[in-house]
């Protein structure tokens, strides 16, 4: 099985303040995640930040105050 670099997506619901962090290891690019027809991220959410790399998880948790 091929192991890709993790992709981290920070998103929030349109009517909320809480940020969510989701980690993807099965994709090799962000194109599939941010595609208009994709349902990987719920449609009523706005993507705040996307990054590729292992070190971004702790950075995003601290920046957006995600537990």
N, C-alpha and C. Protein backbone atom coordinates (compact mmCIF):
# COMPACT_ATOMS: atom_id res chain seq x y z
N UNK A 1 0.84 -1.18 0.00
CA UNK A 1 0.00 0.00 0.00
C UNK A 1 0.89 1.24 0.00
N UNK A 2 0.55 2.19 -0.84
CA UNK A 2 1.32 3.43 -0.95
C UNK A 2 0.92 4.37 0.18
N UNK A 3 1.92 4.95 0.81
CA UNK A 3 1.65 5.89 1.89
C UNK A 3 2.00 7.30 1.41
N UNK A 4 0.99 8.18 1.42
CA UNK A 4 1.17 9.55 0.99
C UNK A 4 1.41 10.46 2.18
N UNK A 5 1.92 11.64 1.92
CA UNK A 5 2.05 12.64 2.98
C UNK A 5 0.67 13.04 3.43
N UNK A 6 0.47 13.24 4.73
CA UNK A 6 -0.87 13.59 5.21
C UNK A 6 -1.29 14.99 4.75
N UNK A 7 -2.57 15.11 4.43
CA UNK A 7 -3.17 16.39 4.05
C UNK A 7 -4.10 16.78 5.19
N UNK A 8 -3.93 17.98 5.71
CA UNK A 8 -4.76 18.49 6.80
C UNK A 8 -5.66 19.60 6.29
N UNK A 9 -6.93 19.52 6.63
CA UNK A 9 -7.91 20.52 6.23
C UNK A 9 -8.57 21.07 7.49
N UNK A 10 -8.57 22.40 7.61
CA UNK A 10 -9.26 23.07 8.70
C UNK A 10 -10.48 23.72 8.07
N UNK A 11 -11.66 23.39 8.61
CA UNK A 11 -12.89 23.97 8.09
C UNK A 11 -13.83 24.31 9.23
N UNK A 12 -14.83 25.13 8.92
CA UNK A 12 -15.85 25.45 9.91
C UNK A 12 -17.18 25.55 9.21
N UNK A 13 -18.23 25.30 9.98
CA UNK A 13 -19.58 25.41 9.44
C UNK A 13 -19.91 26.88 9.24
N UNK A 14 -20.74 27.16 8.26
CA UNK A 14 -21.06 28.54 7.91
C UNK A 14 -21.68 29.28 9.09
N UNK A 15 -22.53 28.63 9.84
CA UNK A 15 -23.22 29.28 10.95
C UNK A 15 -22.56 29.06 12.31
N UNK A 16 -21.36 28.58 12.32
CA UNK A 16 -20.71 28.29 13.60
C UNK A 16 -19.36 28.97 13.73
N UNK A 17 -18.80 28.86 14.92
CA UNK A 17 -17.48 29.42 15.20
C UNK A 17 -16.43 28.34 15.36
N UNK A 18 -16.86 27.13 15.66
CA UNK A 18 -15.94 26.04 15.95
C UNK A 18 -15.23 25.57 14.68
N UNK A 19 -13.92 25.37 14.79
CA UNK A 19 -13.12 24.87 13.69
C UNK A 19 -12.93 23.36 13.85
N UNK A 20 -12.86 22.67 12.73
CA UNK A 20 -12.66 21.23 12.71
C UNK A 20 -11.40 20.92 11.91
N UNK A 21 -10.67 19.91 12.32
CA UNK A 21 -9.46 19.48 11.64
C UNK A 21 -9.66 18.06 11.15
N UNK A 22 -9.39 17.85 9.88
CA UNK A 22 -9.54 16.52 9.30
C UNK A 22 -8.24 16.14 8.61
N UNK A 23 -7.82 14.90 8.81
CA UNK A 23 -6.56 14.40 8.26
C UNK A 23 -6.87 13.36 7.19
N UNK A 24 -6.20 13.49 6.04
CA UNK A 24 -6.36 12.56 4.94
C UNK A 24 -5.01 11.97 4.59
N UNK A 25 -4.94 10.65 4.53
CA UNK A 25 -3.70 9.99 4.13
C UNK A 25 -3.89 9.15 2.87
N UNK A 26 -5.11 9.05 2.39
CA UNK A 26 -5.37 8.19 1.23
C UNK A 26 -5.32 8.94 -0.10
N UNK A 27 -5.13 10.24 -0.09
CA UNK A 27 -5.06 11.03 -1.31
C UNK A 27 -3.67 11.60 -1.49
N UNK A 28 -3.23 11.74 -2.74
CA UNK A 28 -1.90 12.28 -2.99
C UNK A 28 -1.94 13.76 -3.38
N UNK A 29 -3.12 14.34 -3.55
CA UNK A 29 -3.24 15.77 -3.82
C UNK A 29 -4.54 16.29 -3.23
N UNK A 30 -4.64 17.61 -3.12
CA UNK A 30 -5.83 18.22 -2.52
C UNK A 30 -6.96 18.39 -3.51
N UNK A 31 -6.73 18.10 -4.78
CA UNK A 31 -7.75 18.32 -5.81
C UNK A 31 -9.04 17.56 -5.54
N UNK A 32 -8.93 16.34 -5.12
CA UNK A 32 -10.12 15.52 -4.85
C UNK A 32 -10.90 16.06 -3.64
N UNK A 33 -10.20 16.61 -2.68
CA UNK A 33 -10.84 17.10 -1.46
C UNK A 33 -11.59 18.40 -1.71
N UNK A 34 -11.02 19.30 -2.50
CA UNK A 34 -11.63 20.61 -2.70
C UNK A 34 -12.52 20.68 -3.93
N UNK A 35 -12.70 19.58 -4.64
CA UNK A 35 -13.55 19.57 -5.83
C UNK A 35 -14.99 19.96 -5.48
N UNK A 36 -15.64 20.65 -6.38
CA UNK A 36 -17.00 21.15 -6.14
C UNK A 36 -17.99 20.00 -5.90
N UNK A 37 -17.83 18.90 -6.60
CA UNK A 37 -18.75 17.77 -6.47
C UNK A 37 -18.39 16.82 -5.33
N UNK A 38 -17.27 17.06 -4.71
CA UNK A 38 -16.80 16.19 -3.63
C UNK A 38 -17.67 16.36 -2.39
N UNK A 39 -17.91 15.27 -1.70
CA UNK A 39 -18.66 15.30 -0.43
C UNK A 39 -17.78 14.87 0.73
N UNK A 40 -16.48 15.00 0.55
CA UNK A 40 -15.55 14.63 1.61
C UNK A 40 -15.66 15.62 2.77
N UNK A 41 -15.71 16.90 2.45
CA UNK A 41 -15.98 17.97 3.42
C UNK A 41 -17.44 18.36 3.22
N UNK A 42 -18.24 18.47 4.27
CA UNK A 42 -19.66 18.81 4.10
C UNK A 42 -19.85 20.12 3.31
N UNK A 43 -20.92 20.18 2.53
CA UNK A 43 -21.14 21.33 1.64
C UNK A 43 -21.43 22.63 2.38
N UNK A 44 -21.98 22.56 3.58
CA UNK A 44 -22.31 23.78 4.31
C UNK A 44 -21.12 24.29 5.13
N UNK A 45 -19.92 23.92 4.75
CA UNK A 45 -18.72 24.32 5.47
C UNK A 45 -17.80 25.15 4.57
N UNK A 46 -17.03 26.02 5.21
CA UNK A 46 -16.03 26.79 4.47
C UNK A 46 -14.65 26.30 4.90
N UNK A 47 -13.79 26.10 3.92
CA UNK A 47 -12.44 25.63 4.20
C UNK A 47 -11.60 26.83 4.59
N UNK A 48 -11.00 26.76 5.76
CA UNK A 48 -10.18 27.85 6.28
C UNK A 48 -8.73 27.72 5.84
N UNK A 49 -8.19 26.49 5.89
CA UNK A 49 -6.79 26.29 5.54
C UNK A 49 -6.55 24.84 5.15
N UNK A 50 -5.64 24.65 4.17
CA UNK A 50 -5.25 23.31 3.73
C UNK A 50 -3.74 23.26 3.70
N UNK A 51 -3.18 22.13 4.15
CA UNK A 51 -1.73 21.99 4.12
C UNK A 51 -1.32 20.54 3.98
N UNK A 52 -0.14 20.33 3.42
CA UNK A 52 0.41 18.99 3.24
C UNK A 52 1.68 18.88 4.06
N UNK A 53 1.73 17.90 4.94
CA UNK A 53 2.94 17.68 5.74
C UNK A 53 2.61 17.15 7.12
N UNK A 54 3.58 16.50 7.71
CA UNK A 54 3.39 15.85 9.00
C UNK A 54 3.33 16.84 10.16
N UNK A 55 4.03 17.95 10.06
CA UNK A 55 4.15 18.89 11.17
C UNK A 55 2.95 19.84 11.30
N UNK A 56 2.06 19.84 10.35
CA UNK A 56 0.97 20.81 10.34
C UNK A 56 -0.13 20.51 11.35
N UNK A 57 -0.25 19.29 11.79
CA UNK A 57 -1.32 18.95 12.73
C UNK A 57 -1.22 19.78 14.01
N UNK A 58 -0.05 19.80 14.63
CA UNK A 58 0.12 20.56 15.87
C UNK A 58 0.02 22.06 15.63
N UNK A 59 0.50 22.53 14.48
CA UNK A 59 0.42 23.95 14.14
C UNK A 59 -1.03 24.40 14.00
N UNK A 60 -1.84 23.63 13.28
CA UNK A 60 -3.24 23.99 13.08
C UNK A 60 -4.05 23.88 14.38
N UNK A 61 -3.73 22.88 15.20
CA UNK A 61 -4.43 22.75 16.48
C UNK A 61 -4.17 23.95 17.37
N UNK A 62 -2.95 24.43 17.36
CA UNK A 62 -2.61 25.59 18.18
C UNK A 62 -3.20 26.88 17.58
N UNK A 63 -3.10 27.04 16.29
CA UNK A 63 -3.56 28.26 15.62
C UNK A 63 -5.06 28.45 15.73
N UNK A 64 -5.82 27.38 15.53
CA UNK A 64 -7.28 27.46 15.52
C UNK A 64 -7.92 26.99 16.83
N UNK A 65 -7.08 26.69 17.82
CA UNK A 65 -7.54 26.25 19.15
C UNK A 65 -8.47 25.04 19.07
N UNK A 66 -7.98 24.01 18.40
CA UNK A 66 -8.72 22.75 18.23
C UNK A 66 -8.17 21.76 19.25
N UNK A 67 -9.08 21.08 19.95
CA UNK A 67 -8.67 20.10 20.96
C UNK A 67 -8.50 18.73 20.38
